Amino acid sequence: MSMLIAEADATVDAPAGLVLEIIRDFEGHHRRILPTAFSNFRVLAGGTGAGTVTSFTTTLGGRKTHGQTVITEPAAGVVREDVVGRDMVTTFRVQERGRDAFVTIRTTWTAASGVTGFLERRFAPRMLRDVYREELALLQAYALQLDGYRTSPVAGAAVAAAG
């Protein structure tokens, strides 16, 4: 079985602290940047950062998959989602780049075996990369909607005010 990787990154025109808070806040802000491939998103426990548990449905290539994730924050600027019952891990990495944030969304997992695995290896990384590009565009647009985020003296302060 082979390890698969789907990744997309972009510079987001917003402070890294604000972008990280949007990503970490699954109860409020994160749900506003979910791409159309995600539906039935629910927070089962927690809501912000490490310890949050979510459930959702993903639709890729016409196939629906139900999932549940547990959130950790293994390093500064990193939010990690582990899919329960699978070896699938998605990380959001936010790095400061001057006045902007450089965001990488990356998922790694082991492909299934047989015909399903062949199709997964052939199509899933590209489809997920497209989903992550949509999510990064939604993140950019949402960050711009938060009133006054560039004038806040404390990174992330506008998130609480806008939420």
N, C-alpha and C. Protein backbone atom coordinates (compact mmCIF):
# COMPACT_ATOMS: atom_id res chain seq x y z
N MET A 1 0.84 -1.18 0.00
CA MET A 1 0.00 0.00 0.00
C MET A 1 0.88 1.24 0.00
N SER A 2 0.44 2.24 -0.74
CA SER A 2 1.25 3.44 -0.87
C SER A 2 0.65 4.60 -0.07
N MET A 3 1.55 5.47 0.35
CA MET A 3 1.16 6.67 1.08
C MET A 3 0.78 7.74 0.06
N LEU A 4 -0.39 8.35 0.25
CA LEU A 4 -0.86 9.41 -0.64
C LEU A 4 -0.77 10.75 0.07
N ILE A 5 -0.56 11.78 -0.73
CA ILE A 5 -0.46 13.14 -0.20
C ILE A 5 -1.26 14.07 -1.10
N ALA A 6 -2.07 14.91 -0.48
CA ALA A 6 -2.78 15.98 -1.18
C ALA A 6 -2.42 17.27 -0.44
N GLU A 7 -2.00 18.28 -1.19
CA GLU A 7 -1.52 19.51 -0.56
C GLU A 7 -1.82 20.71 -1.44
N ALA A 8 -2.13 21.82 -0.79
CA ALA A 8 -2.27 23.11 -1.46
C ALA A 8 -1.81 24.18 -0.49
N ASP A 9 -1.29 25.27 -1.02
CA ASP A 9 -0.88 26.37 -0.16
C ASP A 9 -1.14 27.69 -0.86
N ALA A 10 -1.19 28.73 -0.06
CA ALA A 10 -1.45 30.07 -0.59
C ALA A 10 -1.05 31.12 0.43
N THR A 11 -0.75 32.29 -0.07
CA THR A 11 -0.56 33.45 0.80
C THR A 11 -1.92 34.08 1.01
N VAL A 12 -2.27 34.29 2.27
CA VAL A 12 -3.55 34.90 2.64
C VAL A 12 -3.26 36.32 3.12
N ASP A 13 -3.96 37.27 2.57
CA ASP A 13 -3.77 38.68 2.89
C ASP A 13 -4.43 39.02 4.22
N ALA A 14 -3.82 38.48 5.28
CA ALA A 14 -4.31 38.72 6.64
C ALA A 14 -3.20 38.32 7.61
N PRO A 15 -3.19 38.87 8.80
CA PRO A 15 -2.17 38.49 9.78
C PRO A 15 -2.25 37.00 10.13
N ALA A 16 -1.10 36.40 10.35
CA ALA A 16 -1.04 34.97 10.66
C ALA A 16 -1.87 34.64 11.90
N GLY A 17 -1.86 35.50 12.91
CA GLY A 17 -2.63 35.24 14.13
C GLY A 17 -4.12 35.16 13.86
N LEU A 18 -4.61 36.03 13.02
CA LEU A 18 -6.03 36.02 12.66
C LEU A 18 -6.37 34.75 11.88
N VAL A 19 -5.55 34.41 10.90
CA VAL A 19 -5.79 33.23 10.07
C VAL A 19 -5.79 31.97 10.94
N LEU A 20 -4.85 31.87 11.85
CA LEU A 20 -4.79 30.71 12.74
C LEU A 20 -6.05 30.63 13.61
N GLU A 21 -6.52 31.75 14.11
CA GLU A 21 -7.74 31.74 14.93
C GLU A 21 -8.96 31.31 14.12
N ILE A 22 -9.04 31.71 12.86
CA ILE A 22 -10.15 31.27 12.00
C ILE A 22 -10.11 29.76 11.86
N ILE A 23 -8.94 29.21 11.60
CA ILE A 23 -8.80 27.77 11.41
C ILE A 23 -9.10 27.00 12.71
N ARG A 24 -8.64 27.50 13.84
CA ARG A 24 -8.79 26.82 15.13
C ARG A 24 -10.23 26.83 15.64
N ASP A 25 -11.02 27.82 15.24
CA ASP A 25 -12.37 28.01 15.77
C ASP A 25 -13.38 27.21 14.96
N PHE A 26 -13.47 25.92 15.24
CA PHE A 26 -14.35 25.02 14.49
C PHE A 26 -15.82 25.31 14.74
N GLU A 27 -16.15 25.78 15.91
CA GLU A 27 -17.55 26.07 16.24
C GLU A 27 -18.07 27.30 15.50
N GLY A 28 -17.22 28.30 15.32
CA GLY A 28 -17.67 29.54 14.72
C GLY A 28 -17.09 29.80 13.35
N HIS A 29 -15.83 30.14 13.30
CA HIS A 29 -15.23 30.63 12.07
C HIS A 29 -14.87 29.55 11.05
N HIS A 30 -14.33 28.43 11.47
CA HIS A 30 -13.86 27.40 10.53
C HIS A 30 -14.98 26.91 9.62
N ARG A 31 -16.14 26.75 10.16
CA ARG A 31 -17.26 26.25 9.35
C ARG A 31 -17.58 27.19 8.19
N ARG A 32 -17.17 28.46 8.29
CA ARG A 32 -17.44 29.44 7.23
C ARG A 32 -16.45 29.35 6.08
N ILE A 33 -15.40 28.56 6.24
CA ILE A 33 -14.41 28.42 5.16
C ILE A 33 -14.43 27.00 4.58
N LEU A 34 -15.43 26.20 4.96
CA LEU A 34 -15.50 24.83 4.44
C LEU A 34 -15.93 24.82 2.98
N PRO A 35 -15.21 24.08 2.15
CA PRO A 35 -15.57 23.97 0.73
C PRO A 35 -16.87 23.20 0.53
N THR A 36 -17.40 23.27 -0.67
CA THR A 36 -18.66 22.61 -0.99
C THR A 36 -18.59 21.09 -0.87
N ALA A 37 -17.39 20.51 -0.89
CA ALA A 37 -17.24 19.05 -0.75
C ALA A 37 -17.61 18.58 0.66
N PHE A 38 -17.67 19.49 1.63
CA PHE A 38 -18.00 19.13 3.01
C PHE A 38 -19.44 19.50 3.32
N SER A 39 -20.14 18.60 3.98
CA SER A 39 -21.52 18.86 4.42
C SER A 39 -21.73 18.20 5.77
N ASN A 40 -22.87 18.49 6.37
CA ASN A 40 -23.25 17.91 7.68
C ASN A 40 -22.15 18.11 8.73
N PHE A 41 -21.48 19.25 8.69
CA PHE A 41 -20.40 19.51 9.64
C PHE A 41 -20.97 19.80 11.02
N ARG A 42 -20.46 19.09 12.02
CA ARG A 42 -20.91 19.30 13.41
C ARG A 42 -19.71 19.24 14.35
N VAL A 43 -19.76 20.03 15.39
CA VAL A 43 -18.78 19.96 16.46
C VAL A 43 -19.38 19.09 17.55
N LEU A 44 -18.71 17.99 17.87
CA LEU A 44 -19.21 17.04 18.87
C LEU A 44 -18.67 17.31 20.27
N ALA A 45 -17.49 17.91 20.33
CA ALA A 45 -16.88 18.25 21.63
C ALA A 45 -15.93 19.42 21.41
N GLY A 46 -15.74 20.21 22.47
CA GLY A 46 -14.84 21.35 22.36
C GLY A 46 -15.42 22.40 21.44
N GLY A 47 -14.60 22.87 20.56
CA GLY A 47 -15.04 23.88 19.61
C GLY A 47 -13.90 24.72 19.10
N THR A 48 -12.89 24.93 19.96
CA THR A 48 -11.75 25.73 19.56
C THR A 48 -10.46 24.99 19.89
N GLY A 49 -9.66 24.74 18.87
CA GLY A 49 -8.33 24.17 19.05
C GLY A 49 -8.31 22.74 19.52
N ALA A 50 -7.20 22.40 20.20
CA ALA A 50 -6.95 21.03 20.65
C ALA A 50 -8.10 20.52 21.50
N GLY A 51 -8.45 19.25 21.27
CA GLY A 51 -9.54 18.62 22.01
C GLY A 51 -10.88 18.68 21.30
N THR A 52 -10.97 19.47 20.24
CA THR A 52 -12.21 19.54 19.48
C THR A 52 -12.42 18.23 18.72
N VAL A 53 -13.66 17.79 18.66
CA VAL A 53 -14.03 16.60 17.89
C VAL A 53 -15.13 17.04 16.92
N THR A 54 -14.96 16.70 15.63
CA THR A 54 -15.94 17.08 14.62
C THR A 54 -16.43 15.85 13.86
N SER A 55 -17.57 16.01 13.21
CA SER A 55 -18.04 14.99 12.26
C SER A 55 -18.50 15.72 11.01
N PHE A 56 -18.49 15.01 9.88
CA PHE A 56 -18.79 15.64 8.60
C PHE A 56 -19.02 14.57 7.54
N THR A 57 -19.51 15.00 6.40
CA THR A 57 -19.60 14.17 5.21
C THR A 57 -18.78 14.84 4.13
N THR A 58 -17.97 14.07 3.43
CA THR A 58 -17.21 14.56 2.30
C THR A 58 -17.73 13.90 1.04
N THR A 59 -17.91 14.69 -0.01
CA THR A 59 -18.32 14.16 -1.30
C THR A 59 -17.24 14.46 -2.32
N LEU A 60 -16.60 13.41 -2.80
CA LEU A 60 -15.57 13.53 -3.83
C LEU A 60 -15.87 12.54 -4.94
N GLY A 61 -15.89 13.03 -6.15
CA GLY A 61 -16.16 12.16 -7.28
C GLY A 61 -17.48 11.43 -7.18
N GLY A 62 -18.47 12.07 -6.54
CA GLY A 62 -19.78 11.47 -6.39
C GLY A 62 -19.89 10.48 -5.25
N ARG A 63 -18.79 10.22 -4.56
CA ARG A 63 -18.77 9.26 -3.46
C ARG A 63 -18.80 10.00 -2.12
N LYS A 64 -19.76 9.65 -1.27
CA LYS A 64 -19.88 10.27 0.06
C LYS A 64 -19.17 9.42 1.10
N THR A 65 -18.41 10.11 1.95
CA THR A 65 -17.71 9.45 3.04
C THR A 65 -18.00 10.22 4.32
N HIS A 66 -18.37 9.51 5.37
CA HIS A 66 -18.61 10.13 6.67
C HIS A 66 -17.34 10.00 7.48
N GLY A 67 -17.02 11.05 8.21
CA GLY A 67 -15.80 11.04 9.01
C GLY A 67 -15.98 11.75 10.32
N GLN A 68 -15.05 11.45 11.21
CA GLN A 68 -14.98 12.12 12.51
C GLN A 68 -13.52 12.43 12.75
N THR A 69 -13.22 13.63 13.24
CA THR A 69 -11.84 14.01 13.49
C THR A 69 -11.64 14.43 14.94
N VAL A 70 -10.40 14.28 15.38
CA VAL A 70 -9.95 14.77 16.68
C VAL A 70 -8.84 15.78 16.38
N ILE A 71 -8.96 16.95 16.98
CA ILE A 71 -8.04 18.05 16.71
C ILE A 71 -6.95 18.12 17.77
N THR A 72 -5.70 18.30 17.31
CA THR A 72 -4.57 18.58 18.19
C THR A 72 -3.82 19.78 17.62
N GLU A 73 -2.95 20.33 18.43
CA GLU A 73 -2.08 21.42 18.00
C GLU A 73 -0.66 21.06 18.39
N PRO A 74 0.02 20.25 17.55
CA PRO A 74 1.32 19.71 17.91
C PRO A 74 2.46 20.71 17.93
N ALA A 75 2.29 21.87 17.30
CA ALA A 75 3.33 22.90 17.28
C ALA A 75 2.67 24.26 17.06
N ALA A 76 3.41 25.30 17.35
CA ALA A 76 2.88 26.65 17.13
C ALA A 76 2.54 26.81 15.65
N GLY A 77 1.34 27.31 15.37
CA GLY A 77 0.92 27.55 14.00
C GLY A 77 0.45 26.32 13.25
N VAL A 78 0.27 25.19 13.96
CA VAL A 78 -0.15 23.95 13.31
C VAL A 78 -1.41 23.41 13.97
N VAL A 79 -2.44 23.16 13.17
CA VAL A 79 -3.66 22.52 13.62
C VAL A 79 -3.74 21.18 12.87
N ARG A 80 -3.90 20.10 13.63
CA ARG A 80 -3.90 18.75 13.05
C ARG A 80 -5.24 18.08 13.29
N GLU A 81 -5.78 17.48 12.22
CA GLU A 81 -7.03 16.73 12.30
C GLU A 81 -6.73 15.27 11.99
N ASP A 82 -6.95 14.41 12.98
CA ASP A 82 -6.78 12.96 12.78
C ASP A 82 -8.16 12.35 12.57
N VAL A 83 -8.35 11.64 11.45
CA VAL A 83 -9.62 10.99 11.18
C VAL A 83 -9.70 9.72 12.02
N VAL A 84 -10.74 9.60 12.81
CA VAL A 84 -10.93 8.46 13.70
C VAL A 84 -11.09 7.19 12.87
N GLY A 85 -10.33 6.15 13.22
CA GLY A 85 -10.45 4.85 12.56
C GLY A 85 -9.69 4.72 11.25
N ARG A 86 -8.93 5.75 10.87
CA ARG A 86 -8.13 5.71 9.64
C ARG A 86 -6.76 6.30 9.93
N ASP A 87 -5.85 6.07 9.03
CA ASP A 87 -4.53 6.69 9.20
C ASP A 87 -4.45 8.01 8.42
N MET A 88 -5.58 8.66 8.23
CA MET A 88 -5.66 9.91 7.49
C MET A 88 -5.46 11.09 8.43
N VAL A 89 -4.52 11.98 8.07
CA VAL A 89 -4.19 13.14 8.88
C VAL A 89 -4.14 14.37 7.99
N THR A 90 -4.85 15.42 8.41
CA THR A 90 -4.79 16.70 7.72
C THR A 90 -4.18 17.72 8.65
N THR A 91 -3.21 18.47 8.13
CA THR A 91 -2.59 19.54 8.91
C THR A 91 -2.79 20.87 8.21
N PHE A 92 -3.05 21.87 9.02
CA PHE A 92 -3.10 23.27 8.58
C PHE A 92 -1.88 23.93 9.20
N ARG A 93 -0.99 24.44 8.37
CA ARG A 93 0.21 25.12 8.88
C ARG A 93 0.11 26.59 8.47
N VAL A 94 0.21 27.48 9.48
CA VAL A 94 0.13 28.91 9.23
C VAL A 94 1.46 29.54 9.62
N GLN A 95 2.08 30.21 8.65
CA GLN A 95 3.36 30.86 8.90
C GLN A 95 3.24 32.35 8.59
N GLU A 96 3.88 33.15 9.41
CA GLU A 96 3.88 34.59 9.20
C GLU A 96 4.82 34.93 8.06
N ARG A 97 4.33 35.73 7.12
CA ARG A 97 5.13 36.22 6.00
C ARG A 97 4.91 37.73 5.92
N GLY A 98 5.65 38.46 6.72
CA GLY A 98 5.45 39.90 6.79
C GLY A 98 4.08 40.19 7.38
N ARG A 99 3.26 40.94 6.64
CA ARG A 99 1.90 41.27 7.10
C ARG A 99 0.88 40.22 6.70
N ASP A 100 1.32 39.19 6.00
CA ASP A 100 0.43 38.15 5.49
C ASP A 100 0.69 36.82 6.19
N ALA A 101 -0.14 35.84 5.84
CA ALA A 101 0.02 34.47 6.35
C ALA A 101 0.22 33.54 5.17
N PHE A 102 1.15 32.62 5.30
CA PHE A 102 1.32 31.57 4.29
C PHE A 102 0.71 30.31 4.89
N VAL A 103 -0.32 29.76 4.22
CA VAL A 103 -1.09 28.65 4.75
C VAL A 103 -0.91 27.42 3.86
N THR A 104 -0.62 26.29 4.50
CA THR A 104 -0.52 25.02 3.80
C THR A 104 -1.54 24.05 4.40
N ILE A 105 -2.33 23.44 3.54
CA ILE A 105 -3.25 22.37 3.96
C ILE A 105 -2.71 21.09 3.33
N ARG A 106 -2.46 20.07 4.15
CA ARG A 106 -1.84 18.83 3.66
C ARG A 106 -2.51 17.63 4.30
N THR A 107 -2.91 16.66 3.49
CA THR A 107 -3.47 15.41 3.99
C THR A 107 -2.60 14.26 3.53
N THR A 108 -2.31 13.35 4.46
CA THR A 108 -1.59 12.12 4.13
C THR A 108 -2.44 10.93 4.57
N TRP A 109 -2.41 9.86 3.79
CA TRP A 109 -3.13 8.65 4.13
C TRP A 109 -2.61 7.49 3.29
N THR A 110 -2.94 6.28 3.73
CA THR A 110 -2.57 5.08 3.00
C THR A 110 -3.71 4.69 2.08
N ALA A 111 -3.37 4.45 0.82
CA ALA A 111 -4.38 4.08 -0.16
C ALA A 111 -4.95 2.70 0.15
N ALA A 112 -6.20 2.50 -0.21
CA ALA A 112 -6.83 1.18 -0.08
C ALA A 112 -6.15 0.23 -1.06
N SER A 113 -6.49 -1.04 -0.96
CA SER A 113 -5.94 -2.02 -1.88
C SER A 113 -6.92 -2.29 -3.01
N GLY A 114 -6.48 -3.01 -4.01
CA GLY A 114 -7.35 -3.42 -5.11
C GLY A 114 -7.76 -2.30 -6.03
N VAL A 115 -8.89 -2.50 -6.67
CA VAL A 115 -9.42 -1.52 -7.64
C VAL A 115 -9.71 -0.19 -6.96
N THR A 116 -10.27 -0.25 -5.76
CA THR A 116 -10.56 0.98 -5.01
C THR A 116 -9.28 1.77 -4.78
N GLY A 117 -8.22 1.08 -4.38
CA GLY A 117 -6.93 1.73 -4.16
C GLY A 117 -6.36 2.33 -5.43
N PHE A 118 -6.52 1.60 -6.55
CA PHE A 118 -6.03 2.12 -7.83
C PHE A 118 -6.72 3.44 -8.15
N LEU A 119 -8.05 3.47 -8.03
CA LEU A 119 -8.81 4.68 -8.31
C LEU A 119 -8.45 5.80 -7.33
N GLU A 120 -8.27 5.43 -6.07
CA GLU A 120 -7.90 6.41 -5.04
C GLU A 120 -6.54 7.03 -5.37
N ARG A 121 -5.57 6.20 -5.71
CA ARG A 121 -4.23 6.71 -6.04
C ARG A 121 -4.28 7.61 -7.27
N ARG A 122 -5.12 7.26 -8.20
CA ARG A 122 -5.19 7.97 -9.49
C ARG A 122 -5.90 9.32 -9.37
N PHE A 123 -6.97 9.39 -8.57
CA PHE A 123 -7.82 10.58 -8.59
C PHE A 123 -7.89 11.38 -7.28
N ALA A 124 -7.82 10.72 -6.14
CA ALA A 124 -8.08 11.40 -4.86
C ALA A 124 -7.12 12.55 -4.56
N PRO A 125 -5.80 12.40 -4.74
CA PRO A 125 -4.93 13.54 -4.42
C PRO A 125 -5.27 14.80 -5.20
N ARG A 126 -5.56 14.67 -6.48
CA ARG A 126 -5.91 15.83 -7.31
C ARG A 126 -7.24 16.44 -6.86
N MET A 127 -8.23 15.58 -6.59
CA MET A 127 -9.54 16.10 -6.16
C MET A 127 -9.42 16.82 -4.82
N LEU A 128 -8.67 16.24 -3.88
CA LEU A 128 -8.49 16.90 -2.58
C LEU A 128 -7.72 18.21 -2.72
N ARG A 129 -6.71 18.23 -3.58
CA ARG A 129 -5.95 19.47 -3.80
C ARG A 129 -6.90 20.57 -4.30
N ASP A 130 -7.82 20.23 -5.19
CA ASP A 130 -8.80 21.21 -5.66
C ASP A 130 -9.71 21.68 -4.53
N VAL A 131 -10.11 20.77 -3.65
CA VAL A 131 -10.93 21.12 -2.49
C VAL A 131 -10.15 22.09 -1.60
N TYR A 132 -8.86 21.83 -1.38
CA TYR A 132 -8.06 22.69 -0.52
C TYR A 132 -7.82 24.05 -1.16
N ARG A 133 -7.70 24.10 -2.47
CA ARG A 133 -7.59 25.40 -3.14
C ARG A 133 -8.85 26.22 -2.93
N GLU A 134 -10.01 25.56 -2.99
CA GLU A 134 -11.27 26.25 -2.71
C GLU A 134 -11.30 26.73 -1.27
N GLU A 135 -10.85 25.91 -0.35
CA GLU A 135 -10.84 26.29 1.07
C GLU A 135 -9.92 27.49 1.31
N LEU A 136 -8.77 27.51 0.66
CA LEU A 136 -7.86 28.64 0.81
C LEU A 136 -8.46 29.93 0.23
N ALA A 137 -9.18 29.82 -0.87
CA ALA A 137 -9.86 31.00 -1.43
C ALA A 137 -10.96 31.48 -0.49
N LEU A 138 -11.70 30.55 0.11
CA LEU A 138 -12.73 30.91 1.07
C LEU A 138 -12.12 31.54 2.32
N LEU A 139 -10.98 31.03 2.75
CA LEU A 139 -10.26 31.59 3.90
C LEU A 139 -9.85 33.04 3.61
N GLN A 140 -9.31 33.28 2.42
CA GLN A 140 -8.92 34.64 2.01
C GLN A 140 -10.13 35.57 2.04
N ALA A 141 -11.22 35.15 1.42
CA ALA A 141 -12.42 35.99 1.36
C ALA A 141 -12.99 36.25 2.75
N TYR A 142 -13.00 35.23 3.60
CA TYR A 142 -13.56 35.39 4.94
C TYR A 142 -12.70 36.32 5.79
N ALA A 143 -11.39 36.18 5.69
CA ALA A 143 -10.49 37.06 6.45
C ALA A 143 -10.71 38.51 6.05
N LEU A 144 -10.95 38.74 4.77
CA LEU A 144 -11.19 40.12 4.31
C LEU A 144 -12.51 40.67 4.82
N GLN A 145 -13.48 39.80 5.12
CA GLN A 145 -14.78 40.24 5.64
C GLN A 145 -14.69 40.72 7.10
N LEU A 146 -13.70 40.25 7.81
CA LEU A 146 -13.60 40.61 9.23
C LEU A 146 -13.18 42.08 9.33
N ASP A 147 -14.06 42.89 9.78
CA ASP A 147 -13.88 44.33 9.83
C ASP A 147 -12.70 44.72 10.70
N GLY A 148 -11.78 45.50 10.14
CA GLY A 148 -10.70 46.07 10.92
C GLY A 148 -9.57 45.13 11.27
N TYR A 149 -9.46 43.98 10.60
CA TYR A 149 -8.43 43.03 11.02
C TYR A 149 -7.02 43.59 10.85
N ARG A 150 -6.80 44.49 9.91
CA ARG A 150 -5.46 45.06 9.71
C ARG A 150 -5.10 46.09 10.78
N THR A 151 -6.11 46.66 11.45
CA THR A 151 -5.83 47.73 12.40
C THR A 151 -5.76 47.23 13.84
N SER A 152 -6.03 45.95 14.06
CA SER A 152 -6.03 45.44 15.42
C SER A 152 -4.61 45.39 15.99
N PRO A 153 -4.39 45.93 17.20
CA PRO A 153 -3.06 45.90 17.79
C PRO A 153 -2.66 44.50 18.27
N VAL A 154 -3.63 43.62 18.43
CA VAL A 154 -3.34 42.26 18.90
C VAL A 154 -3.81 41.29 17.81
N ALA A 155 -2.88 40.47 17.30
CA ALA A 155 -3.25 39.51 16.26
C ALA A 155 -4.38 38.62 16.77
N GLY A 156 -5.42 38.52 15.98
CA GLY A 156 -6.54 37.67 16.36
C GLY A 156 -7.63 38.39 17.14
N ALA A 157 -7.38 39.62 17.59
CA ALA A 157 -8.37 40.33 18.40
C ALA A 157 -9.65 40.60 17.61
N ALA A 158 -9.50 40.84 16.30
CA ALA A 158 -10.69 41.12 15.48
C ALA A 158 -11.57 39.90 15.34
N VAL A 159 -11.01 38.72 15.50
CA VAL A 159 -11.81 37.50 15.38
C VAL A 159 -12.89 37.47 16.44
N ALA A 160 -12.52 37.76 17.67
CA ALA A 160 -13.49 37.74 18.75
C ALA A 160 -14.56 38.82 18.54
N ALA A 161 -14.14 39.96 18.05
CA ALA A 161 -15.08 41.05 17.84
C ALA A 161 -16.03 40.75 16.68
N ALA A 162 -15.53 40.05 15.66
CA ALA A 162 -16.35 39.78 14.49
C ALA A 162 -17.22 38.55 14.65
N GLY A 163 -16.83 37.65 15.56
CA GLY A 163 -17.53 36.38 15.71
C GLY A 163 -18.89 36.55 16.22
